[in-house]
Amino acid sequence: MGANERFCTVREWVNLDFKIINERQIILQLAMQEAYKKRDECQRGFDNLDNKLNTMTADGCSFTDKDKVVESMLYFKECRDGWQETIDHIRQWQDELDQGQEDC
């Protein structure tokens, strides 16, 4: 081994692990914020269409017109549910990181 080779101490490895974990936590926090924003956008789209459908029903609109709105509502519901699933996964990853930090 050369004289210039450097060995990391245990403390340096632990500090590196904390740094990596902290960076990953920040990334997950940003991802969580975006996922909440997207989920909420889908919920608003769903709610707006639900109100539109209620108005259409009160006005006696045709089933064909209502079907188009219902199809769009289903799209927003799937979108919302997908973002909720993403949020659940991010929470799980955050929990795993927290556990990893406790282990360091």
C-alpha atoms as a PDB file:
ATOM      1  CA  MET A   1       0.000   0.000   0.000  1.00  0.00           C
ATOM      2  CA  GLY A   2       1.227   3.425  -0.867  1.00  0.00           C
ATOM      3  CA  ALA A   3       1.886   6.109   1.673  1.00  0.00           C
ATOM      4  CA  ASN A   4      -0.719   8.336   0.049  1.00  0.00           C
ATOM      5  CA  GLU A   5      -3.538   5.821   0.401  1.00  0.00           C
ATOM      6  CA  ARG A   6      -6.149   6.911   2.852  1.00  0.00           C
ATOM      7  CA  PHE A   7      -8.341   4.696   4.928  1.00  0.00           C
ATOM      8  CA  CYS A   8     -11.722   5.885   6.113  1.00  0.00           C
ATOM      9  CA  THR A   9     -12.332   5.664   9.803  1.00  0.00           C
ATOM     10  CA  VAL A  10     -15.555   4.278  11.174  1.00  0.00           C
ATOM     11  CA  ARG A  11     -16.597   7.808  12.099  1.00  0.00           C
ATOM     12  CA  GLU A  12     -16.062   8.982   8.514  1.00  0.00           C
ATOM     13  CA  TRP A  13     -18.189   6.111   7.203  1.00  0.00           C
ATOM     14  CA  VAL A  14     -20.952   6.903   9.678  1.00  0.00           C
ATOM     15  CA  ASN A  15     -20.833  10.595   8.708  1.00  0.00           C
ATOM     16  CA  LEU A  16     -20.989   9.607   5.053  1.00  0.00           C
ATOM     17  CA  ASP A  17     -23.969   7.350   5.768  1.00  0.00           C
ATOM     18  CA  PHE A  18     -25.763  10.192   7.577  1.00  0.00           C
ATOM     19  CA  LYS A  19     -25.032  12.555   4.694  1.00  0.00           C
ATOM     20  CA  ILE A  20     -26.412  10.100   2.143  1.00  0.00           C
ATOM     21  CA  ILE A  21     -29.479   9.403   4.274  1.00  0.00           C
ATOM     22  CA  ASN A  22     -30.119  13.125   4.780  1.00  0.00           C
ATOM     23  CA  GLU A  23     -29.835  13.779   1.036  1.00  0.00           C
ATOM     24  CA  ARG A  24     -32.261  10.967   0.331  1.00  0.00           C
ATOM     25  CA  GLN A  25     -34.677  12.310   2.939  1.00  0.00           C
ATOM     26  CA  ILE A  26     -34.635  15.702   1.235  1.00  0.00           C
ATOM     27  CA  ILE A  27     -35.289  14.088  -2.140  1.00  0.00           C
ATOM     28  CA  LEU A  28     -38.189  12.101  -0.692  1.00  0.00           C
ATOM     29  CA  GLN A  29     -39.628  15.227   0.968  1.00  0.00           C
ATOM     30  CA  LEU A  30     -39.591  17.036  -2.378  1.00  0.00           C
ATOM     31  CA  ALA A  31     -41.141  14.024  -4.089  1.00  0.00           C
ATOM     32  CA  MET A  32     -43.820  13.891  -1.383  1.00  0.00           C
ATOM     33  CA  GLN A  33     -44.688  17.558  -1.891  1.00  0.00           C
ATOM     34  CA  GLU A  34     -45.101  17.042  -5.626  1.00  0.00           C
ATOM     35  CA  ALA A  35     -47.115  13.859  -5.149  1.00  0.00           C
ATOM     36  CA  TYR A  36     -49.506  15.637  -2.761  1.00  0.00           C
ATOM     37  CA  LYS A  37     -49.838  18.499  -5.230  1.00  0.00           C
ATOM     38  CA  LYS A  38     -50.636  16.130  -8.113  1.00  0.00           C
ATOM     39  CA  ARG A  39     -53.057  14.092  -6.000  1.00  0.00           C
ATOM     40  CA  ASP A  40     -54.865  17.258  -4.946  1.00  0.00           C
ATOM     41  CA  GLU A  41     -55.065  18.455  -8.580  1.00  0.00           C
ATOM     42  CA  CYS A  42     -56.706  15.162  -9.527  1.00  0.00           C
ATOM     43  CA  GLN A  43     -59.122  15.461  -6.598  1.00  0.00           C
ATOM     44  CA  ARG A  44     -60.085  18.993  -7.663  1.00  0.00           C
ATOM     45  CA  GLY A  45     -60.645  17.790 -11.220  1.00  0.00           C
ATOM     46  CA  PHE A  46     -62.842  14.987  -9.917  1.00  0.00           C
ATOM     47  CA  ASP A  47     -64.802  17.345  -7.651  1.00  0.00           C
ATOM     48  CA  ASN A  48     -65.330  19.855 -10.459  1.00  0.00           C
ATOM     49  CA  LEU A  49     -66.686  17.146 -12.728  1.00  0.00           C
ATOM     50  CA  ASP A  50     -68.873  15.801  -9.929  1.00  0.00           C
ATOM     51  CA  ASN A  51     -70.416  19.257  -9.554  1.00  0.00           C
ATOM     52  CA  LYS A  52     -70.835  19.465 -13.322  1.00  0.00           C
ATOM     53  CA  LEU A  53     -72.542  16.059 -13.361  1.00  0.00           C
ATOM     54  CA  ASN A  54     -74.916  17.141 -10.600  1.00  0.00           C
ATOM     55  CA  THR A  55     -75.789  20.264 -12.581  1.00  0.00           C
ATOM     56  CA  MET A  56     -76.264  18.227 -15.752  1.00  0.00           C
ATOM     57  CA  THR A  57     -78.575  15.829 -13.912  1.00  0.00           C
ATOM     58  CA  ALA A  58     -80.625  18.710 -12.541  1.00  0.00           C
ATOM     59  CA  ASP A  59     -80.835  20.244 -16.018  1.00  0.00           C
ATOM     60  CA  GLY A  60     -81.920  16.946 -17.580  1.00  0.00           C
ATOM     61  CA  CYS A  61     -78.953  16.470 -19.921  1.00  0.00           C
ATOM     62  CA  SER A  62     -78.671  13.360 -22.083  1.00  0.00           C
ATOM     63  CA  PHE A  63     -77.037  10.152 -20.895  1.00  0.00           C
ATOM     64  CA  THR A  64     -74.409  10.474 -23.622  1.00  0.00           C
ATOM     65  CA  ASP A  65     -73.232  13.814 -22.239  1.00  0.00           C
ATOM     66  CA  LYS A  66     -73.262  12.458 -18.696  1.00  0.00           C
ATOM     67  CA  ASP A  67     -71.303   9.375 -19.759  1.00  0.00           C
ATOM     68  CA  LYS A  68     -68.497  11.571 -21.074  1.00  0.00           C
ATOM     69  CA  VAL A  69     -68.303  13.366 -17.729  1.00  0.00           C
ATOM     70  CA  VAL A  70     -68.365  10.067 -15.828  1.00  0.00           C
ATOM     71  CA  GLU A  71     -65.517   8.736 -17.995  1.00  0.00           C
ATOM     72  CA  SER A  72     -63.482  11.814 -17.156  1.00  0.00           C
ATOM     73  CA  MET A  73     -64.323  11.413 -13.484  1.00  0.00           C
ATOM     74  CA  LEU A  74     -63.055   7.828 -13.588  1.00  0.00           C
ATOM     75  CA  TYR A  75     -59.825   9.065 -15.152  1.00  0.00           C
ATOM     76  CA  PHE A  76     -59.348  11.611 -12.347  1.00  0.00           C
ATOM     77  CA  LYS A  77     -60.169   8.943  -9.745  1.00  0.00           C
ATOM     78  CA  GLU A  78     -57.528   6.604 -11.181  1.00  0.00           C
ATOM     79  CA  CYS A  79     -55.086   9.499 -11.305  1.00  0.00           C
ATOM     80  CA  ARG A  80     -55.832  10.426  -7.682  1.00  0.00           C
ATOM     81  CA  ASP A  81     -55.537   6.818  -6.531  1.00  0.00           C
ATOM     82  CA  GLY A  82     -52.227   6.432  -8.375  1.00  0.00           C
ATOM     83  CA  TRP A  83     -50.775   9.509  -6.699  1.00  0.00           C
ATOM     84  CA  GLN A  84     -52.047   8.274  -3.331  1.00  0.00           C
ATOM     85  CA  GLU A  85     -50.232   4.996  -3.938  1.00  0.00           C
ATOM     86  CA  THR A  86     -47.085   6.972  -4.739  1.00  0.00           C
ATOM     87  CA  ILE A  87     -47.489   8.902  -1.471  1.00  0.00           C
ATOM     88  CA  ASP A  88     -47.842   5.628   0.429  1.00  0.00           C
ATOM     89  CA  HIS A  89     -44.650   4.282  -1.165  1.00  0.00           C
ATOM     90  CA  ILE A  90     -42.740   7.472  -0.357  1.00  0.00           C
ATOM     91  CA  ARG A  91     -43.859   7.189   3.272  1.00  0.00           C
ATOM     92  CA  GLN A  92     -42.615   3.609   3.332  1.00  0.00           C
ATOM     93  CA  TRP A  93     -39.244   4.667   1.887  1.00  0.00           C
ATOM     94  CA  GLN A  94     -39.018   7.475   4.454  1.00  0.00           C
ATOM     95  CA  ASP A  95     -39.679   4.979   7.246  1.00  0.00           C
ATOM     96  CA  GLU A  96     -36.952   2.704   5.869  1.00  0.00           C
ATOM     97  CA  LEU A  97     -34.509   5.627   5.771  1.00  0.00           C
ATOM     98  CA  ASP A  98     -35.420   6.590   9.325  1.00  0.00           C
ATOM     99  CA  GLN A  99     -34.754   3.011  10.387  1.00  0.00           C
ATOM    100  CA  GLY A 100     -31.436   3.067   8.554  1.00  0.00           C
ATOM    101  CA  GLN A 101     -30.473   6.254  10.351  1.00  0.00           C
ATOM    102  CA  GLU A 102     -31.248   4.676  13.712  1.00  0.00           C
ATOM    103  CA  ASP A 103     -29.012   1.737  12.788  1.00  0.00           C
ATOM    104  CA  CYS A 104     -26.014   3.988  12.080  1.00  0.00           C
END
